[in-house]
Amino acid sequence: MEQIRSFIAIELPGNIKESIRKWQDILKSGDPSGAKWVNPDSIHLTLKFLGNIDTQMIEAITQSMKEAAQPVVPFQLVIKETGAFPNLRRAQVIWLGLGGELEKLHLLQRRLECGLSALGFPEEKRAFSPHLTLARIHNYTSNEKRMILGNAVAGVKIESNLFINVNSINLMRSQLTRSGAIYSRLCSVEL
């Protein structure tokens, strides 16, 4: 049986990706050497990472996605802030936080977790923290450089009118290559 690496996500519109590209350019202008920047065209909001799945499971996963999405009406998210995990002083991951109709997003994500657990996918132990990953900091990056990146992140101003209209969720394939992951949509489920 063929296996593919996959996840369920909300894809972003072009204007958001273009804004992300500009923010990354601002952050990179300081000293980009300590971070691996995510290609803006690849950035998405992950709802559930599935890992390697048998291609024969795609139909059952799609059905579970439809059941999870059925009671959820389309909603809107907004780019709200920049930040870093675990914090700005010890940045490991640089991200964009989301606001808007988060209760609908959380309902959708929770319904996906529950439905997919019935198919044998373990439920995520960590609380769902909706964000868009901009960069990952290399393990060898010094604490001083992490603080510099954290300060740069804190200085980025976010336009408050960048909305994401969520009207579908997507089962995505992730193919790992030397130049980074390549994502392709396997199916889309409307809300």
C-alpha atoms as a PDB file:
ATOM      1  CA  MET A   1       0.000   0.000   0.000  1.00  0.00           C
ATOM      2  CA  GLU A   2       1.213   3.460  -0.875  1.00  0.00           C
ATOM      3  CA  GLN A   3       1.737   5.839   2.054  1.00  0.00           C
ATOM      4  CA  ILE A   4       1.676   9.622   1.893  1.00  0.00           C
ATOM      5  CA  ARG A   5       2.465  12.271   4.493  1.00  0.00           C
ATOM      6  CA  SER A   6      -0.623  14.398   5.065  1.00  0.00           C
ATOM      7  CA  PHE A   7      -2.441  16.992   7.160  1.00  0.00           C
ATOM      8  CA  ILE A   8      -5.707  18.953   7.197  1.00  0.00           C
ATOM      9  CA  ALA A   9      -5.442  22.710   6.771  1.00  0.00           C
ATOM     10  CA  ILE A  10      -7.020  25.994   5.838  1.00  0.00           C
ATOM     11  CA  GLU A  11      -5.250  27.519   2.856  1.00  0.00           C
ATOM     12  CA  LEU A  12      -4.528  31.245   2.708  1.00  0.00           C
ATOM     13  CA  PRO A  13      -5.565  33.795   0.074  1.00  0.00           C
ATOM     14  CA  GLY A  14      -2.929  35.490  -2.096  1.00  0.00           C
ATOM     15  CA  ASN A  15      -3.116  38.886  -0.354  1.00  0.00           C
ATOM     16  CA  ILE A  16      -2.228  37.289   2.999  1.00  0.00           C
ATOM     17  CA  LYS A  17       0.723  35.441   1.452  1.00  0.00           C
ATOM     18  CA  GLU A  18       1.957  38.704  -0.074  1.00  0.00           C
ATOM     19  CA  SER A  19       1.750  40.472   3.312  1.00  0.00           C
ATOM     20  CA  ILE A  20       3.597  37.561   4.922  1.00  0.00           C
ATOM     21  CA  ARG A  21       6.347  37.926   2.310  1.00  0.00           C
ATOM     22  CA  LYS A  22       6.719  41.632   3.239  1.00  0.00           C
ATOM     23  CA  TRP A  23       6.845  40.892   6.988  1.00  0.00           C
ATOM     24  CA  GLN A  24       9.447  38.200   6.440  1.00  0.00           C
ATOM     25  CA  ASP A  25      11.549  40.618   4.368  1.00  0.00           C
ATOM     26  CA  ILE A  26      11.426  43.121   7.248  1.00  0.00           C
ATOM     27  CA  LEU A  27      12.459  40.461   9.755  1.00  0.00           C
ATOM     28  CA  LYS A  28      15.190  39.089   7.485  1.00  0.00           C
ATOM     29  CA  SER A  29      16.724  42.545   7.031  1.00  0.00           C
ATOM     30  CA  GLY A  30      18.113  42.411  10.580  1.00  0.00           C
ATOM     31  CA  ASP A  31      20.077  39.156  10.499  1.00  0.00           C
ATOM     32  CA  PRO A  32      18.361  36.188   8.891  1.00  0.00           C
ATOM     33  CA  SER A  33      21.181  33.680   9.477  1.00  0.00           C
ATOM     34  CA  GLY A  34      19.641  32.111  12.587  1.00  0.00           C
ATOM     35  CA  ALA A  35      16.316  31.137  11.025  1.00  0.00           C
ATOM     36  CA  LYS A  36      14.829  28.906   8.339  1.00  0.00           C
ATOM     37  CA  TRP A  37      12.067  30.958   6.740  1.00  0.00           C
ATOM     38  CA  VAL A  38       8.918  29.270   5.478  1.00  0.00           C
ATOM     39  CA  ASN A  39       8.046  30.044   1.858  1.00  0.00           C
ATOM     40  CA  PRO A  40       4.918  32.267   2.041  1.00  0.00           C
ATOM     41  CA  ASP A  41       3.303  30.219  -0.730  1.00  0.00           C
ATOM     42  CA  SER A  42       3.502  27.165   1.556  1.00  0.00           C
ATOM     43  CA  ILE A  43       2.104  28.768   4.714  1.00  0.00           C
ATOM     44  CA  HIS A  44      -1.268  27.451   5.863  1.00  0.00           C
ATOM     45  CA  LEU A  45      -3.249  27.011   9.073  1.00  0.00           C
ATOM     46  CA  THR A  46      -2.825  23.391  10.145  1.00  0.00           C
ATOM     47  CA  LEU A  47      -5.892  21.916  11.840  1.00  0.00           C
ATOM     48  CA  LYS A  48      -4.636  18.339  12.185  1.00  0.00           C
ATOM     49  CA  PHE A  49      -1.350  16.680  11.253  1.00  0.00           C
ATOM     50  CA  LEU A  50      -2.028  13.092  10.196  1.00  0.00           C
ATOM     51  CA  GLY A  51       1.468  11.865   9.376  1.00  0.00           C
ATOM     52  CA  ASN A  52       1.905   8.954   6.990  1.00  0.00           C
ATOM     53  CA  ILE A  53      -1.408   7.486   5.847  1.00  0.00           C
ATOM     54  CA  ASP A  54      -2.366   4.712   3.450  1.00  0.00           C
ATOM     55  CA  THR A  55      -3.850   6.207   0.292  1.00  0.00           C
ATOM     56  CA  GLN A  56      -6.810   3.848   0.813  1.00  0.00           C
ATOM     57  CA  MET A  57      -7.741   5.947   3.880  1.00  0.00           C
ATOM     58  CA  ILE A  58      -8.307   9.149   1.894  1.00  0.00           C
ATOM     59  CA  GLU A  59     -11.990   8.386   1.360  1.00  0.00           C
ATOM     60  CA  ALA A  60     -12.646   7.711   5.079  1.00  0.00           C
ATOM     61  CA  ILE A  61     -10.683  10.835   6.084  1.00  0.00           C
ATOM     62  CA  THR A  62     -12.659  12.917   3.596  1.00  0.00           C
ATOM     63  CA  GLN A  63     -15.924  11.569   5.017  1.00  0.00           C
ATOM     64  CA  SER A  64     -14.751  12.425   8.548  1.00  0.00           C
ATOM     65  CA  MET A  65     -13.873  15.950   7.358  1.00  0.00           C
ATOM     66  CA  LYS A  66     -17.377  16.338   5.874  1.00  0.00           C
ATOM     67  CA  GLU A  67     -18.984  15.259   9.150  1.00  0.00           C
ATOM     68  CA  ALA A  68     -16.790  17.645  11.142  1.00  0.00           C
ATOM     69  CA  ALA A  69     -17.540  20.564   8.804  1.00  0.00           C
ATOM     70  CA  GLN A  70     -21.276  19.920   8.438  1.00  0.00           C
ATOM     71  CA  PRO A  71     -22.547  22.087  11.351  1.00  0.00           C
ATOM     72  CA  VAL A  72     -19.897  24.807  10.920  1.00  0.00           C
ATOM     73  CA  VAL A  73     -20.868  27.791   8.775  1.00  0.00           C
ATOM     74  CA  PRO A  74     -18.226  29.828   6.908  1.00  0.00           C
ATOM     75  CA  PHE A  75     -16.383  32.241   9.175  1.00  0.00           C
ATOM     76  CA  GLN A  76     -13.697  34.892   9.182  1.00  0.00           C
ATOM     77  CA  LEU A  77     -10.286  35.049  10.823  1.00  0.00           C
ATOM     78  CA  VAL A  78      -7.964  38.042  11.012  1.00  0.00           C
ATOM     79  CA  ILE A  79      -4.187  38.325  11.278  1.00  0.00           C
ATOM     80  CA  LYS A  80      -3.729  39.773  14.741  1.00  0.00           C
ATOM     81  CA  GLU A  81      -0.150  39.763  16.023  1.00  0.00           C
ATOM     82  CA  THR A  82       3.375  38.419  15.727  1.00  0.00           C
ATOM     83  CA  GLY A  83       4.989  36.257  18.363  1.00  0.00           C
ATOM     84  CA  ALA A  84       7.359  33.414  19.087  1.00  0.00           C
ATOM     85  CA  PHE A  85       7.263  30.046  20.814  1.00  0.00           C
ATOM     86  CA  PRO A  86       8.126  29.592  23.636  1.00  0.00           C
ATOM     87  CA  ASN A  87       8.587  33.375  23.985  1.00  0.00           C
ATOM     88  CA  LEU A  88      10.320  36.353  22.349  1.00  0.00           C
ATOM     89  CA  ARG A  89      13.483  36.034  24.487  1.00  0.00           C
ATOM     90  CA  ARG A  90      14.067  32.377  23.537  1.00  0.00           C
ATOM     91  CA  ALA A  91      12.457  32.254  20.096  1.00  0.00           C
ATOM     92  CA  GLN A  92      12.250  28.780  18.513  1.00  0.00           C
ATOM     93  CA  VAL A  93       9.335  29.435  16.141  1.00  0.00           C
ATOM     94  CA  ILE A  94       8.247  32.833  14.798  1.00  0.00           C
ATOM     95  CA  TRP A  95       4.527  33.032  14.076  1.00  0.00           C
ATOM     96  CA  LEU A  96       1.503  35.145  13.239  1.00  0.00           C
ATOM     97  CA  GLY A  97      -1.398  34.867  15.670  1.00  0.00           C
ATOM     98  CA  LEU A  98      -5.016  34.892  14.591  1.00  0.00           C
ATOM     99  CA  GLY A  99      -8.176  36.543  15.863  1.00  0.00           C
ATOM    100  CA  GLY A 100     -11.719  36.783  14.574  1.00  0.00           C
ATOM    101  CA  GLU A 101     -14.309  34.047  14.900  1.00  0.00           C
ATOM    102  CA  LEU A 102     -12.042  31.750  16.884  1.00  0.00           C
ATOM    103  CA  GLU A 103     -14.937  29.908  18.556  1.00  0.00           C
ATOM    104  CA  LYS A 104     -15.960  28.521  15.130  1.00  0.00           C
ATOM    105  CA  LEU A 105     -12.347  27.620  14.337  1.00  0.00           C
ATOM    106  CA  HIS A 106     -11.976  25.797  17.668  1.00  0.00           C
ATOM    107  CA  LEU A 107     -15.279  23.963  17.132  1.00  0.00           C
ATOM    108  CA  LEU A 108     -14.158  22.809  13.679  1.00  0.00           C
ATOM    109  CA  GLN A 109     -10.749  21.685  14.930  1.00  0.00           C
ATOM    110  CA  ARG A 110     -12.256  19.840  17.913  1.00  0.00           C
ATOM    111  CA  ARG A 111     -14.781  18.060  15.674  1.00  0.00           C
ATOM    112  CA  LEU A 112     -11.924  17.009  13.364  1.00  0.00           C
ATOM    113  CA  GLU A 113      -9.919  15.649  16.319  1.00  0.00           C
ATOM    114  CA  CYS A 114     -12.892  13.620  17.577  1.00  0.00           C
ATOM    115  CA  GLY A 115     -13.892  12.261  14.181  1.00  0.00           C
ATOM    116  CA  LEU A 116     -10.369  11.308  13.186  1.00  0.00           C
ATOM    117  CA  SER A 117      -9.696   9.605  16.512  1.00  0.00           C
ATOM    118  CA  ALA A 118     -12.405   7.102  15.518  1.00  0.00           C
ATOM    119  CA  LEU A 119     -10.241   6.295  12.468  1.00  0.00           C
ATOM    120  CA  GLY A 120      -7.233   5.613  14.691  1.00  0.00           C
ATOM    121  CA  PHE A 121      -5.474   8.984  14.613  1.00  0.00           C
ATOM    122  CA  PRO A 122      -4.343   9.924  18.128  1.00  0.00           C
ATOM    123  CA  GLU A 123      -5.770  13.138  19.537  1.00  0.00           C
ATOM    124  CA  GLU A 124      -3.302  15.983  19.980  1.00  0.00           C
ATOM    125  CA  LYS A 125      -2.291  16.344  23.632  1.00  0.00           C
ATOM    126  CA  ARG A 126      -1.406  20.037  23.375  1.00  0.00           C
ATOM    127  CA  ALA A 127      -4.125  22.669  23.262  1.00  0.00           C
ATOM    128  CA  PHE A 128      -4.869  23.979  19.755  1.00  0.00           C
ATOM    129  CA  SER A 129      -3.055  27.299  19.284  1.00  0.00           C
ATOM    130  CA  PRO A 130      -4.028  28.769  15.898  1.00  0.00           C
ATOM    131  CA  HIS A 131      -1.011  30.375  14.248  1.00  0.00           C
ATOM    132  CA  LEU A 132       0.854  30.667  10.966  1.00  0.00           C
ATOM    133  CA  THR A 133       4.524  29.677  11.159  1.00  0.00           C
ATOM    134  CA  LEU A 134       6.856  32.223   9.548  1.00  0.00           C
ATOM    135  CA  ALA A 135      10.220  30.718  10.556  1.00  0.00           C
ATOM    136  CA  ARG A 136      11.919  28.101  12.684  1.00  0.00           C
ATOM    137  CA  ILE A 137      15.080  29.033  14.555  1.00  0.00           C
ATOM    138  CA  HIS A 138      18.092  26.748  14.064  1.00  0.00           C
ATOM    139  CA  ASN A 139      19.144  24.797  17.174  1.00  0.00           C
ATOM    140  CA  TYR A 140      22.682  26.189  16.956  1.00  0.00           C
ATOM    141  CA  THR A 141      21.472  29.830  17.041  1.00  0.00           C
ATOM    142  CA  SER A 142      22.902  31.726  20.017  1.00  0.00           C
ATOM    143  CA  ASN A 143      20.692  33.112  22.791  1.00  0.00           C
ATOM    144  CA  GLU A 144      21.794  36.633  21.793  1.00  0.00           C
ATOM    145  CA  LYS A 145      20.626  36.095  18.202  1.00  0.00           C
ATOM    146  CA  ARG A 146      17.319  34.623  19.462  1.00  0.00           C
ATOM    147  CA  MET A 147      16.721  37.782  21.488  1.00  0.00           C
ATOM    148  CA  ILE A 148      17.561  39.976  18.496  1.00  0.00           C
ATOM    149  CA  LEU A 149      15.055  38.051  16.361  1.00  0.00           C
ATOM    150  CA  GLY A 150      12.505  38.260  19.183  1.00  0.00           C
ATOM    151  CA  ASN A 151      12.923  42.041  19.379  1.00  0.00           C
ATOM    152  CA  ALA A 152      12.517  42.316  15.602  1.00  0.00           C
ATOM    153  CA  VAL A 153       9.327  40.245  15.799  1.00  0.00           C
ATOM    154  CA  ALA A 154       7.965  42.477  18.554  1.00  0.00           C
ATOM    155  CA  GLY A 155       8.585  45.514  16.345  1.00  0.00           C
ATOM    156  CA  VAL A 156       6.560  44.282  13.340  1.00  0.00           C
ATOM    157  CA  LYS A 157       3.299  46.184  12.940  1.00  0.00           C
ATOM    158  CA  ILE A 158       0.333  44.171  11.693  1.00  0.00           C
ATOM    159  CA  GLU A 159      -2.314  45.697   9.443  1.00  0.00           C
ATOM    160  CA  SER A 160      -5.662  45.077  11.129  1.00  0.00           C
ATOM    161  CA  ASN A 161      -7.593  44.574   7.902  1.00  0.00           C
ATOM    162  CA  LEU A 162      -6.113  41.256   6.750  1.00  0.00           C
ATOM    163  CA  PHE A 163      -8.972  38.768   6.794  1.00  0.00           C
ATOM    164  CA  ILE A 164      -9.109  35.080   5.960  1.00  0.00           C
ATOM    165  CA  ASN A 165     -12.550  33.967   4.803  1.00  0.00           C
ATOM    166  CA  VAL A 166     -12.814  30.321   5.804  1.00  0.00           C
ATOM    167  CA  ASN A 167     -15.304  28.395   3.708  1.00  0.00           C
ATOM    168  CA  SER A 168     -13.464  25.093   3.224  1.00  0.00           C
ATOM    169  CA  ILE A 169     -10.903  22.762   4.754  1.00  0.00           C
ATOM    170  CA  ASN A 170      -8.386  20.770   2.759  1.00  0.00           C
ATOM    171  CA  LEU A 171      -6.664  17.414   2.995  1.00  0.00           C
ATOM    172  CA  MET A 172      -3.085  18.140   1.963  1.00  0.00           C
ATOM    173  CA  ARG A 173      -0.176  15.985   0.877  1.00  0.00           C
ATOM    174  CA  SER A 174       3.295  16.919   2.080  1.00  0.00           C
ATOM    175  CA  GLN A 175       6.272  15.732   0.044  1.00  0.00           C
ATOM    176  CA  LEU A 176       9.598  16.377   1.756  1.00  0.00           C
ATOM    177  CA  THR A 177      12.459  17.432  -0.518  1.00  0.00           C
ATOM    178  CA  ARG A 178      15.949  18.851   0.053  1.00  0.00           C
ATOM    179  CA  SER A 179      14.662  22.329  -0.805  1.00  0.00           C
ATOM    180  CA  GLY A 180      11.661  22.065   1.542  1.00  0.00           C
ATOM    181  CA  ALA A 181       8.199  20.553   1.666  1.00  0.00           C
ATOM    182  CA  ILE A 182       5.952  20.612  -1.389  1.00  0.00           C
ATOM    183  CA  TYR A 183       2.233  20.703  -0.602  1.00  0.00           C
ATOM    184  CA  SER A 184      -0.615  19.621  -2.845  1.00  0.00           C
ATOM    185  CA  ARG A 185      -4.343  19.477  -2.167  1.00  0.00           C
ATOM    186  CA  LEU A 186      -5.864  15.986  -2.203  1.00  0.00           C
ATOM    187  CA  CYS A 187      -9.425  17.105  -1.564  1.00  0.00           C
ATOM    188  CA  SER A 188     -11.426  20.072  -0.347  1.00  0.00           C
ATOM    189  CA  VAL A 189     -14.523  20.044   1.894  1.00  0.00           C
ATOM    190  CA  GLU A 190     -16.868  23.031   1.942  1.00  0.00           C
ATOM    191  CA  LEU A 191     -18.270  24.402   5.208  1.00  0.00           C
END
